[in-house]
């Protein structure tokens, strides 16, 4: 993660309501990060 990515994700999505949601948000963030590296 760069410092900006978590902020961007939080700006797009509301804060997770539970730990299970948090795991999905984190996985989504890493997926975006991987695509940015591949690009």
PDB file of N, CA and C in Angstrom:
ATOM      1  N   UNK A   1       0.825  -1.200   0.000  1.00  0.00           N
ATOM      2  CA  UNK A   1       0.000   0.000   0.000  1.00  0.00           C
ATOM      3  C   UNK A   1       0.863   1.256   0.000  1.00  0.00           C
ATOM      4  N   UNK A   2       0.475   2.217  -0.788  1.00  0.00           N
ATOM      5  CA  UNK A   2       0.985   3.566  -0.566  1.00  0.00           C
ATOM      6  C   UNK A   2       0.057   4.225   0.439  1.00  0.00           C
ATOM      7  N   UNK A   3       0.473   5.347   0.989  1.00  0.00           N
ATOM      8  CA  UNK A   3      -0.338   6.007   2.019  1.00  0.00           C
ATOM      9  C   UNK A   3      -1.676   6.477   1.452  1.00  0.00           C
ATOM     10  N   UNK A   4      -1.757   6.692   0.148  1.00  0.00           N
ATOM     11  CA  UNK A   4      -2.972   7.242  -0.443  1.00  0.00           C
ATOM     12  C   UNK A   4      -4.033   6.185  -0.724  1.00  0.00           C
ATOM     13  N   UNK A   5      -3.628   4.935  -0.945  1.00  0.00           N
ATOM     14  CA  UNK A   5      -4.598   3.925  -1.365  1.00  0.00           C
ATOM     15  C   UNK A   5      -5.689   3.656  -0.333  1.00  0.00           C
ATOM     16  N   UNK A   6      -5.353   3.442   0.951  1.00  0.00           N
ATOM     17  CA  UNK A   6      -6.431   3.193   1.919  1.00  0.00           C
ATOM     18  C   UNK A   6      -7.409   4.361   2.004  1.00  0.00           C
ATOM     19  N   UNK A   7      -6.896   5.576   1.875  1.00  0.00           N
ATOM     20  CA  UNK A   7      -7.762   6.756   1.908  1.00  0.00           C
ATOM     21  C   UNK A   7      -8.707   6.737   0.711  1.00  0.00           C
ATOM     22  N   UNK A   8      -8.174   6.394  -0.459  1.00  0.00           N
ATOM     23  CA  UNK A   8      -8.997   6.338  -1.662  1.00  0.00           C
ATOM     24  C   UNK A   8     -10.092   5.295  -1.509  1.00  0.00           C
ATOM     25  N   UNK A   9      -9.733   4.119  -0.986  1.00  0.00           N
ATOM     26  CA  UNK A   9     -10.718   3.058  -0.803  1.00  0.00           C
ATOM     27  C   UNK A   9     -11.792   3.495   0.181  1.00  0.00           C
ATOM     28  N   UNK A  10     -11.400   4.165   1.262  1.00  0.00           N
ATOM     29  CA  UNK A  10     -12.389   4.621   2.247  1.00  0.00           C
ATOM     30  C   UNK A  10     -13.282   5.707   1.664  1.00  0.00           C
ATOM     31  N   UNK A  11     -12.743   6.475   0.735  1.00  0.00           N
ATOM     32  CA  UNK A  11     -13.545   7.527   0.118  1.00  0.00           C
ATOM     33  C   UNK A  11     -14.629   6.924  -0.777  1.00  0.00           C
ATOM     34  N   UNK A  12     -14.311   5.785  -1.396  1.00  0.00           N
ATOM     35  CA  UNK A  12     -15.259   5.141  -2.307  1.00  0.00           C
ATOM     36  C   UNK A  12     -16.269   4.312  -1.531  1.00  0.00           C
ATOM     37  N   UNK A  13     -15.801   3.626  -0.491  1.00  0.00           N
ATOM     38  CA  UNK A  13     -16.658   2.714   0.263  1.00  0.00           C
ATOM     39  C   UNK A  13     -16.839   3.210   1.684  1.00  0.00           C
ATOM     40  N   UNK A  14     -18.015   2.992   2.273  1.00  0.00           N
ATOM     41  CA  UNK A  14     -18.217   3.313   3.685  1.00  0.00           C
ATOM     42  C   UNK A  14     -17.367   2.396   4.550  1.00  0.00           C
ATOM     43  N   UNK A  15     -17.105   2.771   5.803  1.00  0.00           N
ATOM     44  CA  UNK A  15     -16.312   1.924   6.688  1.00  0.00           C
ATOM     45  C   UNK A  15     -16.989   0.569   6.886  1.00  0.00           C
ATOM     46  N   UNK A  16     -16.195  -0.503   6.948  1.00  0.00           N
ATOM     47  CA  UNK A  16     -16.762  -1.832   7.151  1.00  0.00           C
ATOM     48  C   UNK A  16     -17.512  -1.917   8.476  1.00  0.00           C
ATOM     49  N   UNK A  17     -18.523  -2.761   8.514  1.00  0.00           N
ATOM     50  CA  UNK A  17     -19.340  -2.891   9.710  1.00  0.00           C
ATOM     51  C   UNK A  17     -18.849  -4.015  10.621  1.00  0.00           C
ATOM     52  N   UNK A  18     -18.051  -4.940  10.083  1.00  0.00           N
ATOM     53  CA  UNK A  18     -17.590  -6.068  10.888  1.00  0.00           C
ATOM     54  C   UNK A  18     -16.258  -6.565  10.350  1.00  0.00           C
ATOM     55  N   UNK A  19     -15.621  -7.460  11.086  1.00  0.00           N
ATOM     56  CA  UNK A  19     -14.304  -7.960  10.694  1.00  0.00           C
ATOM     57  C   UNK A  19     -14.347  -8.658   9.337  1.00  0.00           C
ATOM     58  N   UNK A  20     -15.423  -9.404   9.087  1.00  0.00           N
ATOM     59  CA  UNK A  20     -15.531 -10.119   7.815  1.00  0.00           C
ATOM     60  C   UNK A  20     -15.538  -9.124   6.651  1.00  0.00           C
ATOM     61  N   UNK A  21     -16.270  -8.027   6.815  1.00  0.00           N
ATOM     62  CA  UNK A  21     -16.267  -6.990   5.790  1.00  0.00           C
ATOM     63  C   UNK A  21     -14.873  -6.410   5.623  1.00  0.00           C
ATOM     64  N   UNK A  22     -14.176  -6.197   6.735  1.00  0.00           N
ATOM     65  CA  UNK A  22     -12.837  -5.618   6.677  1.00  0.00           C
ATOM     66  C   UNK A  22     -11.914  -6.484   5.823  1.00  0.00           C
ATOM     67  N   UNK A  23     -12.053  -7.799   5.942  1.00  0.00           N
ATOM     68  CA  UNK A  23     -11.216  -8.710   5.154  1.00  0.00           C
ATOM     69  C   UNK A  23     -11.488  -8.520   3.666  1.00  0.00           C
ATOM     70  N   UNK A  24     -12.758  -8.321   3.305  1.00  0.00           N
ATOM     71  CA  UNK A  24     -13.094  -8.120   1.898  1.00  0.00           C
ATOM     72  C   UNK A  24     -12.533  -6.790   1.393  1.00  0.00           C
ATOM     73  N   UNK A  25     -12.622  -5.752   2.211  1.00  0.00           N
ATOM     74  CA  UNK A  25     -12.075  -4.458   1.822  1.00  0.00           C
ATOM     75  C   UNK A  25     -10.575  -4.561   1.604  1.00  0.00           C
ATOM     76  N   UNK A  26      -9.883  -5.259   2.512  1.00  0.00           N
ATOM     77  CA  UNK A  26      -8.433  -5.401   2.397  1.00  0.00           C
ATOM     78  C   UNK A  26      -8.075  -6.176   1.134  1.00  0.00           C
ATOM     79  N   UNK A  27      -8.811  -7.260   0.859  1.00  0.00           N
ATOM     80  CA  UNK A  27      -8.539  -8.065  -0.326  1.00  0.00           C
ATOM     81  C   UNK A  27      -8.753  -7.228  -1.586  1.00  0.00           C
ATOM     82  N   UNK A  28      -9.805  -6.415  -1.596  1.00  0.00           N
ATOM     83  CA  UNK A  28     -10.094  -5.550  -2.730  1.00  0.00           C
ATOM     84  C   UNK A  28      -8.959  -4.548  -2.934  1.00  0.00           C
ATOM     85  N   UNK A  29      -8.466  -3.983  -1.833  1.00  0.00           N
ATOM     86  CA  UNK A  29      -7.374  -3.020  -1.914  1.00  0.00           C
ATOM     87  C   UNK A  29      -6.112  -3.643  -2.482  1.00  0.00           C
ATOM     88  N   UNK A  30      -5.790  -4.859  -2.016  1.00  0.00           N
ATOM     89  CA  UNK A  30      -4.591  -5.522  -2.527  1.00  0.00           C
ATOM     90  C   UNK A  30      -4.759  -5.873  -3.998  1.00  0.00           C
ATOM     91  N   UNK A  31      -5.977  -6.194  -4.405  1.00  0.00           N
ATOM     92  CA  UNK A  31      -6.222  -6.527  -5.808  1.00  0.00           C
ATOM     93  C   UNK A  31      -5.967  -5.306  -6.688  1.00  0.00           C
ATOM     94  N   UNK A  32      -6.447  -4.155  -6.257  1.00  0.00           N
ATOM     95  CA  UNK A  32      -6.195  -2.908  -6.987  1.00  0.00           C
ATOM     96  C   UNK A  32      -4.693  -2.644  -7.049  1.00  0.00           C
ATOM     97  N   UNK A  33      -4.019  -2.825  -5.928  1.00  0.00           N
ATOM     98  CA  UNK A  33      -2.584  -2.568  -5.847  1.00  0.00           C
ATOM     99  C   UNK A  33      -1.838  -3.465  -6.835  1.00  0.00           C
ATOM    100  N   UNK A  34      -2.221  -4.739  -6.904  1.00  0.00           N
ATOM    101  CA  UNK A  34      -1.570  -5.679  -7.815  1.00  0.00           C
ATOM    102  C   UNK A  34      -1.786  -5.256  -9.267  1.00  0.00           C
ATOM    103  N   UNK A  35      -2.990  -4.809  -9.591  1.00  0.00           N
ATOM    104  CA  UNK A  35      -3.281  -4.388 -10.964  1.00  0.00           C
ATOM    105  C   UNK A  35      -2.485  -3.135 -11.322  1.00  0.00           C
ATOM    106  N   UNK A  36      -2.298  -2.249 -10.357  1.00  0.00           N
ATOM    107  CA  UNK A  36      -1.522  -1.036 -10.608  1.00  0.00           C
ATOM    108  C   UNK A  36      -0.071  -1.393 -10.894  1.00  0.00           C
ATOM    109  N   UNK A  37       0.464  -2.391 -10.170  1.00  0.00           N
ATOM    110  CA  UNK A  37       1.848  -2.813 -10.381  1.00  0.00           C
ATOM    111  C   UNK A  37       1.996  -3.451 -11.759  1.00  0.00           C
ATOM    112  N   UNK A  38       1.004  -4.254 -12.162  1.00  0.00           N
ATOM    113  CA  UNK A  38       1.080  -4.959 -13.442  1.00  0.00           C
ATOM    114  C   UNK A  38       0.948  -3.999 -14.620  1.00  0.00           C
ATOM    115  N   UNK A  39       0.204  -2.934 -14.435  1.00  0.00           N
ATOM    116  CA  UNK A  39      -0.096  -2.008 -15.526  1.00  0.00           C
ATOM    117  C   UNK A  39       1.181  -1.391 -16.106  1.00  0.00           C
TER     118      UNK A  39
END
